[in-house]
Amino acid sequence: MNVGFIGTGAMGSLLIEAFVASGALDPCHIVISNRTYSKAQALADRYPGMRAERSNASTASATDILFLCVKPHEYKKVIDELKPVLRPEQLLISITSPVMIEHLEELVPCKIAKVIPSVTNLVWSGATLCIYGSRITEEDQGMIEGLLAYISEPLRIEEPYTRIVSDLSSCGPAFFAYLIEQFVDAAVCETGIAREDAVKVASTMLLGTGLLLTEGGLSPEDVQKRVAVPGGITAQALQLLNRELDGTFNRLIRTTHKKFDDDVAKITADFYSKEVNGQ
């Protein structure tokens, strides 16, 4: 089974590196291409046996499973390049959330799936979200999820929930890394603790908290109750957070959904040559 990757940017290269490091794929079964050929070749050079192609069509022609790892505004151009060579038995997997499965199924003959990875997949952790088109069989789903299981926990979701589940699984690491950064910066500013020490303590704390919420079987509320003694230091600090963060995450979700809706509208215009906002 040969697997292709079109786009070797941040997420494309992350998936390739994770699949190879985990043993999910042998480099000799991977074919890649990128808008800038030299970038694809540089990545292939790191993994003996991996092949970089100069055209996306060549990558598609040589593979059984094809991951599309390109930005939303590049999709229509790439799909137009691939249409002449795509085969009905191929699996085409998009990793770009605003591109709807129906957009792709109307334009290409192959089987369509959408997979939303996370930066946590680089350490074989976190989830990958799996959404399947109408041509995907149970056997196809098993093949896709078997591959993804090397680097993550594959989770099947319905396409209307793509954005909110992506917020939690794929954007979440950035959001919580930002909160950890703010926590650490405040600790350094207020107490003078060495930043590297604060980062180490906070990072291991976050890892341990995640294990409590998964393997430990505790809910977020349970963890707070276990730590916060009534009238104690943690309880008082939680009251502060409750006041200061009231509505913050609601606004965050509205922001990501607004951007997502705008992207969907623009991509729909690209695919169907429709006007967006009267322009």
C-alpha atoms as a PDB file:
ATOM      1  CA  MET A   1       0.000   0.000   0.000  1.00  0.00           C
ATOM      2  CA  ASN A   2       1.468   3.317  -1.097  1.00  0.00           C
ATOM      3  CA  VAL A   3       0.447   6.495   0.728  1.00  0.00           C
ATOM      4  CA  GLY A   4       0.770   9.968  -0.736  1.00  0.00           C
ATOM      5  CA  PHE A   5       0.904  13.391   0.875  1.00  0.00           C
ATOM      6  CA  ILE A   6       0.223  16.552  -1.097  1.00  0.00           C
ATOM      7  CA  GLY A   7       1.462  19.454   1.003  1.00  0.00           C
ATOM      8  CA  THR A   8       4.453  19.125   3.315  1.00  0.00           C
ATOM      9  CA  GLY A   9       3.846  22.161   5.499  1.00  0.00           C
ATOM     10  CA  ALA A  10       3.288  22.085   9.246  1.00  0.00           C
ATOM     11  CA  MET A  11       0.561  19.415   9.386  1.00  0.00           C
ATOM     12  CA  GLY A  12       1.622  17.427   6.342  1.00  0.00           C
ATOM     13  CA  SER A  13       5.171  17.006   7.614  1.00  0.00           C
ATOM     14  CA  LEU A  14       3.871  16.309  11.132  1.00  0.00           C
ATOM     15  CA  LEU A  15       1.751  13.402   9.870  1.00  0.00           C
ATOM     16  CA  ILE A  16       4.591  12.007   7.777  1.00  0.00           C
ATOM     17  CA  GLU A  17       7.059  12.194  10.667  1.00  0.00           C
ATOM     18  CA  ALA A  18       4.593  10.649  13.123  1.00  0.00           C
ATOM     19  CA  PHE A  19       3.621   7.792  10.799  1.00  0.00           C
ATOM     20  CA  VAL A  20       7.252   6.934  10.081  1.00  0.00           C
ATOM     21  CA  ALA A  21       8.467   7.250  13.687  1.00  0.00           C
ATOM     22  CA  SER A  22       5.581   5.124  15.011  1.00  0.00           C
ATOM     23  CA  GLY A  23       6.175   2.373  12.469  1.00  0.00           C
ATOM     24  CA  ALA A  24       2.803   2.899  10.808  1.00  0.00           C
ATOM     25  CA  LEU A  25       4.422   3.501   7.407  1.00  0.00           C
ATOM     26  CA  ASP A  26       7.726   2.560   5.830  1.00  0.00           C
ATOM     27  CA  PRO A  27       9.317   5.514   3.998  1.00  0.00           C
ATOM     28  CA  CYS A  28       9.604   3.429   0.833  1.00  0.00           C
ATOM     29  CA  HIS A  29       5.795   3.376   0.645  1.00  0.00           C
ATOM     30  CA  ILE A  30       5.434   7.167   0.942  1.00  0.00           C
ATOM     31  CA  VAL A  31       5.247   9.565  -1.997  1.00  0.00           C
ATOM     32  CA  ILE A  32       5.105  13.334  -1.403  1.00  0.00           C
ATOM     33  CA  SER A  33       4.775  16.590  -3.299  1.00  0.00           C
ATOM     34  CA  ASN A  34       4.634  20.239  -2.385  1.00  0.00           C
ATOM     35  CA  ARG A  35       4.057  23.546  -4.129  1.00  0.00           C
ATOM     36  CA  THR A  36       7.804  24.120  -3.698  1.00  0.00           C
ATOM     37  CA  TYR A  37       9.509  20.945  -4.882  1.00  0.00           C
ATOM     38  CA  SER A  38      12.731  21.606  -2.951  1.00  0.00           C
ATOM     39  CA  LYS A  39      10.827  21.468   0.355  1.00  0.00           C
ATOM     40  CA  ALA A  40       9.365  18.074  -0.499  1.00  0.00           C
ATOM     41  CA  GLN A  41      12.765  16.800  -1.613  1.00  0.00           C
ATOM     42  CA  ALA A  42      14.410  18.059   1.594  1.00  0.00           C
ATOM     43  CA  LEU A  43      11.873  16.090   3.653  1.00  0.00           C
ATOM     44  CA  ALA A  44      12.296  12.974   1.497  1.00  0.00           C
ATOM     45  CA  ASP A  45      16.070  13.186   1.904  1.00  0.00           C
ATOM     46  CA  ARG A  46      15.632  12.669   5.645  1.00  0.00           C
ATOM     47  CA  TYR A  47      13.936   9.304   5.098  1.00  0.00           C
ATOM     48  CA  PRO A  48      15.715   6.905   2.714  1.00  0.00           C
ATOM     49  CA  GLY A  49      13.215   5.353   0.334  1.00  0.00           C
ATOM     50  CA  MET A  50      10.685   8.178   0.456  1.00  0.00           C
ATOM     51  CA  ARG A  51      10.010   9.708  -2.953  1.00  0.00           C
ATOM     52  CA  ALA A  52       9.335  13.354  -3.772  1.00  0.00           C
ATOM     53  CA  GLU A  53       7.440  14.051  -6.986  1.00  0.00           C
ATOM     54  CA  ARG A  54       7.512  17.286  -8.945  1.00  0.00           C
ATOM     55  CA  SER A  55       3.752  17.278  -9.607  1.00  0.00           C
ATOM     56  CA  ASN A  56       0.720  16.560  -7.471  1.00  0.00           C
ATOM     57  CA  ALA A  57      -0.740  14.430 -10.258  1.00  0.00           C
ATOM     58  CA  SER A  58       2.324  12.168 -10.156  1.00  0.00           C
ATOM     59  CA  THR A  59       1.902  11.715  -6.419  1.00  0.00           C
ATOM     60  CA  ALA A  60      -1.774  10.861  -6.835  1.00  0.00           C
ATOM     61  CA  SER A  61      -1.079   8.389  -9.660  1.00  0.00           C
ATOM     62  CA  ALA A  62       1.397   6.439  -7.520  1.00  0.00           C
ATOM     63  CA  THR A  63      -0.674   6.023  -4.359  1.00  0.00           C
ATOM     64  CA  ASP A  64      -3.600   4.082  -2.913  1.00  0.00           C
ATOM     65  CA  ILE A  65      -4.300   6.523  -0.064  1.00  0.00           C
ATOM     66  CA  LEU A  66      -3.780  10.223  -0.673  1.00  0.00           C
ATOM     67  CA  PHE A  67      -3.676  12.844   2.093  1.00  0.00           C
ATOM     68  CA  LEU A  68      -4.475  16.405   0.996  1.00  0.00           C
ATOM     69  CA  CYS A  69      -2.630  18.694   3.405  1.00  0.00           C
ATOM     70  CA  VAL A  70      -3.021  22.053   1.678  1.00  0.00           C
ATOM     71  CA  LYS A  71      -4.511  25.359   2.769  1.00  0.00           C
ATOM     72  CA  PRO A  72      -8.200  26.031   2.054  1.00  0.00           C
ATOM     73  CA  HIS A  73      -7.586  28.605  -0.679  1.00  0.00           C
ATOM     74  CA  GLU A  74      -5.346  26.149  -2.552  1.00  0.00           C
ATOM     75  CA  TYR A  75      -7.877  23.318  -2.659  1.00  0.00           C
ATOM     76  CA  LYS A  76      -9.684  24.030  -5.916  1.00  0.00           C
ATOM     77  CA  LYS A  77      -6.446  24.406  -7.852  1.00  0.00           C
ATOM     78  CA  VAL A  78      -5.071  21.148  -6.448  1.00  0.00           C
ATOM     79  CA  ILE A  79      -8.311  19.254  -7.086  1.00  0.00           C
ATOM     80  CA  ASP A  80      -8.297  20.452 -10.690  1.00  0.00           C
ATOM     81  CA  GLU A  81      -4.771  19.039 -11.059  1.00  0.00           C
ATOM     82  CA  LEU A  82      -5.814  15.694  -9.598  1.00  0.00           C
ATOM     83  CA  LYS A  83      -9.162  15.074 -11.318  1.00  0.00           C
ATOM     84  CA  PRO A  84      -7.694  13.503 -14.477  1.00  0.00           C
ATOM     85  CA  VAL A  85      -5.699  10.886 -12.537  1.00  0.00           C
ATOM     86  CA  LEU A  86      -7.816  10.006  -9.496  1.00  0.00           C
ATOM     87  CA  ARG A  87      -9.320   6.501  -9.518  1.00  0.00           C
ATOM     88  CA  PRO A  88     -12.613   5.283  -7.987  1.00  0.00           C
ATOM     89  CA  GLU A  89     -10.841   2.786  -5.705  1.00  0.00           C
ATOM     90  CA  GLN A  90      -8.503   5.405  -4.203  1.00  0.00           C
ATOM     91  CA  LEU A  91      -8.957   6.906  -0.748  1.00  0.00           C
ATOM     92  CA  LEU A  92      -8.668  10.697  -0.762  1.00  0.00           C
ATOM     93  CA  ILE A  93      -8.275  12.079   2.763  1.00  0.00           C
ATOM     94  CA  SER A  94      -8.621  15.805   3.374  1.00  0.00           C
ATOM     95  CA  ILE A  95      -7.204  17.282   6.576  1.00  0.00           C
ATOM     96  CA  THR A  96      -8.705  20.744   6.024  1.00  0.00           C
ATOM     97  CA  SER A  97     -11.854  21.260   8.089  1.00  0.00           C
ATOM     98  CA  PRO A  98     -13.665  23.969   6.021  1.00  0.00           C
ATOM     99  CA  VAL A  99     -13.608  21.803   2.880  1.00  0.00           C
ATOM    100  CA  MET A 100     -16.891  19.920   2.893  1.00  0.00           C
ATOM    101  CA  ILE A 101     -17.031  16.286   1.848  1.00  0.00           C
ATOM    102  CA  GLU A 102     -19.869  17.094  -0.555  1.00  0.00           C
ATOM    103  CA  HIS A 103     -17.591  19.589  -2.323  1.00  0.00           C
ATOM    104  CA  LEU A 104     -15.106  16.834  -3.044  1.00  0.00           C
ATOM    105  CA  GLU A 105     -17.565  14.055  -3.852  1.00  0.00           C
ATOM    106  CA  GLU A 106     -19.140  16.194  -6.563  1.00  0.00           C
ATOM    107  CA  LEU A 107     -15.803  16.790  -8.259  1.00  0.00           C
ATOM    108  CA  VAL A 108     -13.775  13.591  -7.995  1.00  0.00           C
ATOM    109  CA  PRO A 109     -14.588   9.891  -8.504  1.00  0.00           C
ATOM    110  CA  CYS A 110     -12.704   8.432  -5.551  1.00  0.00           C
ATOM    111  CA  LYS A 111     -13.655   7.655  -1.954  1.00  0.00           C
ATOM    112  CA  ILE A 112     -13.579  10.687   0.342  1.00  0.00           C
ATOM    113  CA  ALA A 113     -12.784  10.997   4.026  1.00  0.00           C
ATOM    114  CA  LYS A 114     -11.876  13.945   6.212  1.00  0.00           C
ATOM    115  CA  VAL A 115      -9.397  13.551   9.049  1.00  0.00           C
ATOM    116  CA  ILE A 116      -8.554  16.373  11.452  1.00  0.00           C
ATOM    117  CA  PRO A 117      -5.179  15.743  13.136  1.00  0.00           C
ATOM    118  CA  SER A 118      -3.654  17.427  16.163  1.00  0.00           C
ATOM    119  CA  VAL A 119      -0.137  18.540  17.001  1.00  0.00           C
ATOM    120  CA  THR A 120      -0.313  15.979  19.829  1.00  0.00           C
ATOM    121  CA  ASN A 121      -0.158  13.235  17.182  1.00  0.00           C
ATOM    122  CA  LEU A 122       3.551  14.018  16.891  1.00  0.00           C
ATOM    123  CA  VAL A 123       3.999  12.242  20.241  1.00  0.00           C
ATOM    124  CA  TRP A 124       1.430   9.549  19.334  1.00  0.00           C
ATOM    125  CA  SER A 125      -1.209  11.057  21.557  1.00  0.00           C
ATOM    126  CA  GLY A 126      -4.491  12.946  21.385  1.00  0.00           C
ATOM    127  CA  ALA A 127      -7.279  12.366  18.899  1.00  0.00           C
ATOM    128  CA  THR A 128      -7.707  12.401  15.160  1.00  0.00           C
ATOM    129  CA  LEU A 129     -11.239  13.201  14.044  1.00  0.00           C
ATOM    130  CA  CYS A 130     -12.652  10.980  11.301  1.00  0.00           C
ATOM    131  CA  ILE A 131     -15.522  11.963   9.002  1.00  0.00           C
ATOM    132  CA  TYR A 132     -16.550   9.696   6.149  1.00  0.00           C
ATOM    133  CA  GLY A 133     -18.143  10.276   2.775  1.00  0.00           C
ATOM    134  CA  SER A 134     -20.893   8.227   1.192  1.00  0.00           C
ATOM    135  CA  ARG A 135     -18.516   5.986  -0.815  1.00  0.00           C
ATOM    136  CA  ILE A 136     -16.437   4.874   2.169  1.00  0.00           C
ATOM    137  CA  THR A 137     -16.953   1.243   3.207  1.00  0.00           C
ATOM    138  CA  GLU A 138     -16.513  -0.360   6.628  1.00  0.00           C
ATOM    139  CA  GLU A 139     -13.298  -1.890   5.312  1.00  0.00           C
ATOM    140  CA  ASP A 140     -12.059   1.564   4.307  1.00  0.00           C
ATOM    141  CA  GLN A 141     -12.891   2.936   7.751  1.00  0.00           C
ATOM    142  CA  GLY A 142     -10.979   0.105   9.389  1.00  0.00           C
ATOM    143  CA  MET A 143      -7.947   0.756   7.179  1.00  0.00           C
ATOM    144  CA  ILE A 144      -7.942   4.500   7.901  1.00  0.00           C
ATOM    145  CA  GLU A 145      -8.476   4.109  11.645  1.00  0.00           C
ATOM    146  CA  GLY A 146      -5.910   1.317  11.840  1.00  0.00           C
ATOM    147  CA  LEU A 147      -3.329   3.673  10.356  1.00  0.00           C
ATOM    148  CA  LEU A 148      -4.309   6.580  12.592  1.00  0.00           C
ATOM    149  CA  ALA A 149      -4.303   4.376  15.705  1.00  0.00           C
ATOM    150  CA  TYR A 150      -0.500   4.282  15.553  1.00  0.00           C
ATOM    151  CA  ILE A 151      -0.350   7.996  16.379  1.00  0.00           C
ATOM    152  CA  SER A 152      -3.647   8.859  18.072  1.00  0.00           C
ATOM    153  CA  GLU A 153      -7.083   7.802  19.157  1.00  0.00           C
ATOM    154  CA  PRO A 154      -9.298   7.913  16.041  1.00  0.00           C
ATOM    155  CA  LEU A 155     -12.735   9.370  16.844  1.00  0.00           C
ATOM    156  CA  ARG A 156     -15.639   9.264  14.407  1.00  0.00           C
ATOM    157  CA  ILE A 157     -17.709  12.443  14.349  1.00  0.00           C
ATOM    158  CA  GLU A 158     -20.471  13.932  12.225  1.00  0.00           C
ATOM    159  CA  GLU A 159     -19.413  16.711   9.849  1.00  0.00           C
ATOM    160  CA  PRO A 160     -21.679  19.416  11.388  1.00  0.00           C
ATOM    161  CA  TYR A 161     -19.622  19.100  14.599  1.00  0.00           C
ATOM    162  CA  THR A 162     -16.267  19.432  12.838  1.00  0.00           C
ATOM    163  CA  ARG A 163     -15.558  22.944  14.089  1.00  0.00           C
ATOM    164  CA  ILE A 164     -16.370  22.518  17.763  1.00  0.00           C
ATOM    165  CA  VAL A 165     -14.608  19.168  18.073  1.00  0.00           C
ATOM    166  CA  SER A 166     -11.613  20.657  16.248  1.00  0.00           C
ATOM    167  CA  ASP A 167     -11.596  23.511  18.765  1.00  0.00           C
ATOM    168  CA  LEU A 168     -11.302  20.970  21.546  1.00  0.00           C
ATOM    169  CA  SER A 169      -8.869  18.515  19.974  1.00  0.00           C
ATOM    170  CA  SER A 170      -6.784  20.431  17.449  1.00  0.00           C
ATOM    171  CA  CYS A 171      -6.864  24.069  18.579  1.00  0.00           C
ATOM    172  CA  GLY A 172      -7.000  23.118  22.257  1.00  0.00           C
ATOM    173  CA  PRO A 173      -3.248  22.414  22.591  1.00  0.00           C
ATOM    174  CA  ALA A 174      -2.483  25.972  21.455  1.00  0.00           C
ATOM    175  CA  PHE A 175      -5.101  27.454  23.774  1.00  0.00           C
ATOM    176  CA  PHE A 176      -3.855  25.591  26.825  1.00  0.00           C
ATOM    177  CA  ALA A 177      -0.201  26.157  25.909  1.00  0.00           C
ATOM    178  CA  TYR A 178      -1.050  29.861  25.890  1.00  0.00           C
ATOM    179  CA  LEU A 179      -2.613  29.586  29.360  1.00  0.00           C
ATOM    180  CA  ILE A 180       0.434  27.705  30.641  1.00  0.00           C
ATOM    181  CA  GLU A 181       2.685  30.394  29.154  1.00  0.00           C
ATOM    182  CA  GLN A 182       0.709  33.119  30.944  1.00  0.00           C
ATOM    183  CA  PHE A 183       0.793  31.130  34.217  1.00  0.00           C
ATOM    184  CA  VAL A 184       4.565  30.658  33.943  1.00  0.00           C
ATOM    185  CA  ASP A 185       5.233  34.293  33.009  1.00  0.00           C
ATOM    186  CA  ALA A 186       3.222  35.458  36.017  1.00  0.00           C
ATOM    187  CA  ALA A 187       5.106  33.062  38.307  1.00  0.00           C
ATOM    188  CA  VAL A 188       8.448  34.388  37.075  1.00  0.00           C
ATOM    189  CA  CYS A 189       7.318  38.019  37.343  1.00  0.00           C
ATOM    190  CA  GLU A 190       5.817  37.737  40.814  1.00  0.00           C
ATOM    191  CA  THR A 191       8.376  35.459  42.491  1.00  0.00           C
ATOM    192  CA  GLY A 192      11.594  35.367  40.452  1.00  0.00           C
ATOM    193  CA  ILE A 193      11.512  31.588  39.971  1.00  0.00           C
ATOM    194  CA  ALA A 194      13.667  30.433  37.049  1.00  0.00           C
ATOM    195  CA  ARG A 195      11.517  30.231  33.920  1.00  0.00           C
ATOM    196  CA  GLU A 196      12.817  26.800  32.909  1.00  0.00           C
ATOM    197  CA  ASP A 197      11.877  25.439  36.335  1.00  0.00           C
ATOM    198  CA  ALA A 198       8.408  26.943  36.163  1.00  0.00           C
ATOM    199  CA  VAL A 199       7.868  25.546  32.652  1.00  0.00           C
ATOM    200  CA  LYS A 200       8.940  22.060  33.768  1.00  0.00           C
ATOM    201  CA  VAL A 201       6.649  22.064  36.803  1.00  0.00           C
ATOM    202  CA  ALA A 202       3.669  23.470  34.889  1.00  0.00           C
ATOM    203  CA  SER A 203       4.149  21.067  31.971  1.00  0.00           C
ATOM    204  CA  THR A 204       4.311  17.973  34.156  1.00  0.00           C
ATOM    205  CA  MET A 205       1.272  19.270  36.027  1.00  0.00           C
ATOM    206  CA  LEU A 206      -0.663  19.541  32.766  1.00  0.00           C
ATOM    207  CA  LEU A 207       0.357  16.026  31.753  1.00  0.00           C
ATOM    208  CA  GLY A 208      -0.689  14.643  35.130  1.00  0.00           C
ATOM    209  CA  THR A 209      -4.010  16.471  34.995  1.00  0.00           C
ATOM    210  CA  GLY A 210      -4.685  14.974  31.578  1.00  0.00           C
ATOM    211  CA  LEU A 211      -4.038  11.499  32.948  1.00  0.00           C
ATOM    212  CA  LEU A 212      -6.432  12.128  35.831  1.00  0.00           C
ATOM    213  CA  LEU A 213      -9.125  13.134  33.316  1.00  0.00           C
ATOM    214  CA  THR A 214      -8.520  10.072  31.116  1.00  0.00           C
ATOM    215  CA  GLU A 215      -6.935   7.074  32.804  1.00  0.00           C
ATOM    216  CA  GLY A 216      -7.914   8.303  36.262  1.00  0.00           C
ATOM    217  CA  GLY A 217     -11.574   8.573  35.327  1.00  0.00           C
ATOM    218  CA  LEU A 218     -12.062  11.933  37.038  1.00  0.00           C
ATOM    219  CA  SER A 219     -14.178  14.737  35.601  1.00  0.00           C
ATOM    220  CA  PRO A 220     -12.960  18.367  35.504  1.00  0.00           C
ATOM    221  CA  GLU A 221     -15.283  19.048  38.445  1.00  0.00           C
ATOM    222  CA  ASP A 222     -13.811  16.089  40.369  1.00  0.00           C
ATOM    223  CA  VAL A 223     -10.270  17.386  39.965  1.00  0.00           C
ATOM    224  CA  GLN A 224     -11.247  20.822  41.262  1.00  0.00           C
ATOM    225  CA  LYS A 225     -13.004  19.298  44.271  1.00  0.00           C
ATOM    226  CA  ARG A 226      -9.996  17.089  45.058  1.00  0.00           C
ATOM    227  CA  VAL A 227      -7.617  20.083  45.037  1.00  0.00           C
ATOM    228  CA  ALA A 228      -9.716  22.976  46.340  1.00  0.00           C
ATOM    229  CA  VAL A 229     -10.396  22.772  50.071  1.00  0.00           C
ATOM    230  CA  PRO A 230     -13.341  25.047  50.997  1.00  0.00           C
ATOM    231  CA  GLY A 231     -11.943  28.366  52.187  1.00  0.00           C
ATOM    232  CA  GLY A 232      -8.434  27.399  51.094  1.00  0.00           C
ATOM    233  CA  ILE A 233      -5.913  28.994  48.728  1.00  0.00           C
ATOM    234  CA  THR A 234      -6.987  27.077  45.602  1.00  0.00           C
ATOM    235  CA  ALA A 235     -10.670  27.785  46.229  1.00  0.00           C
ATOM    236  CA  GLN A 236     -10.000  31.509  46.501  1.00  0.00           C
ATOM    237  CA  ALA A 237      -7.952  31.468  43.297  1.00  0.00           C
ATOM    238  CA  LEU A 238     -10.716  29.557  41.482  1.00  0.00           C
ATOM    239  CA  GLN A 239     -13.182  32.264  42.510  1.00  0.00           C
ATOM    240  CA  LEU A 240     -10.902  34.825  40.878  1.00  0.00           C
ATOM    241  CA  LEU A 241     -10.715  32.773  37.660  1.00  0.00           C
ATOM    242  CA  ASN A 242     -14.471  32.381  37.637  1.00  0.00           C
ATOM    243  CA  ARG A 243     -14.908  36.155  37.776  1.00  0.00           C
ATOM    244  CA  GLU A 244     -12.169  37.079  35.330  1.00  0.00           C
ATOM    245  CA  LEU A 245     -12.801  34.391  32.707  1.00  0.00           C
ATOM    246  CA  ASP A 246     -16.585  34.590  32.709  1.00  0.00           C
ATOM    247  CA  GLY A 247     -17.672  34.179  29.074  1.00  0.00           C
ATOM    248  CA  THR A 248     -14.123  34.073  27.686  1.00  0.00           C
ATOM    249  CA  PHE A 249     -14.409  30.615  26.187  1.00  0.00           C
ATOM    250  CA  ASN A 250     -17.853  31.358  24.778  1.00  0.00           C
ATOM    251  CA  ARG A 251     -16.306  34.270  22.909  1.00  0.00           C
ATOM    252  CA  LEU A 252     -13.409  32.065  21.822  1.00  0.00           C
ATOM    253  CA  ILE A 253     -15.783  29.503  20.293  1.00  0.00           C
ATOM    254  CA  ARG A 254     -17.793  32.216  18.557  1.00  0.00           C
ATOM    255  CA  THR A 255     -14.532  33.541  17.089  1.00  0.00           C
ATOM    256  CA  THR A 256     -13.398  30.179  15.700  1.00  0.00           C
ATOM    257  CA  HIS A 257     -16.866  29.447  14.311  1.00  0.00           C
ATOM    258  CA  LYS A 258     -17.067  32.835  12.603  1.00  0.00           C
ATOM    259  CA  LYS A 259     -13.703  32.251  10.906  1.00  0.00           C
ATOM    260  CA  PHE A 260     -14.756  28.726   9.931  1.00  0.00           C
ATOM    261  CA  ASP A 261     -18.045  29.935   8.408  1.00  0.00           C
ATOM    262  CA  ASP A 262     -16.167  32.607   6.441  1.00  0.00           C
ATOM    263  CA  ASP A 263     -13.719  29.996   5.140  1.00  0.00           C
ATOM    264  CA  VAL A 264     -16.538  27.621   4.138  1.00  0.00           C
ATOM    265  CA  ALA A 265     -18.228  30.420   2.196  1.00  0.00           C
ATOM    266  CA  LYS A 266     -15.012  31.317   0.374  1.00  0.00           C
ATOM    267  CA  ILE A 267     -14.250  27.703  -0.491  1.00  0.00           C
ATOM    268  CA  THR A 268     -17.805  27.193  -1.729  1.00  0.00           C
ATOM    269  CA  ALA A 269     -17.280  30.177  -4.001  1.00  0.00           C
ATOM    270  CA  ASP A 270     -14.013  28.665  -5.255  1.00  0.00           C
ATOM    271  CA  PHE A 271     -15.617  25.298  -5.972  1.00  0.00           C
ATOM    272  CA  TYR A 272     -18.816  26.535  -7.538  1.00  0.00           C
ATOM    273  CA  SER A 273     -17.798  30.003  -8.768  1.00  0.00           C
ATOM    274  CA  LYS A 274     -20.495  31.594  -6.619  1.00  0.00           C
ATOM    275  CA  GLU A 275     -20.339  35.132  -5.295  1.00  0.00           C
ATOM    276  CA  VAL A 276     -19.548  35.631  -1.635  1.00  0.00           C
ATOM    277  CA  ASN A 277     -21.024  38.661   0.163  1.00  0.00           C
ATOM    278  CA  GLY A 278     -22.116  40.128  -3.172  1.00  0.00           C
ATOM    279  CA  GLN A 279     -18.543  40.394  -4.500  1.00  0.00           C
END
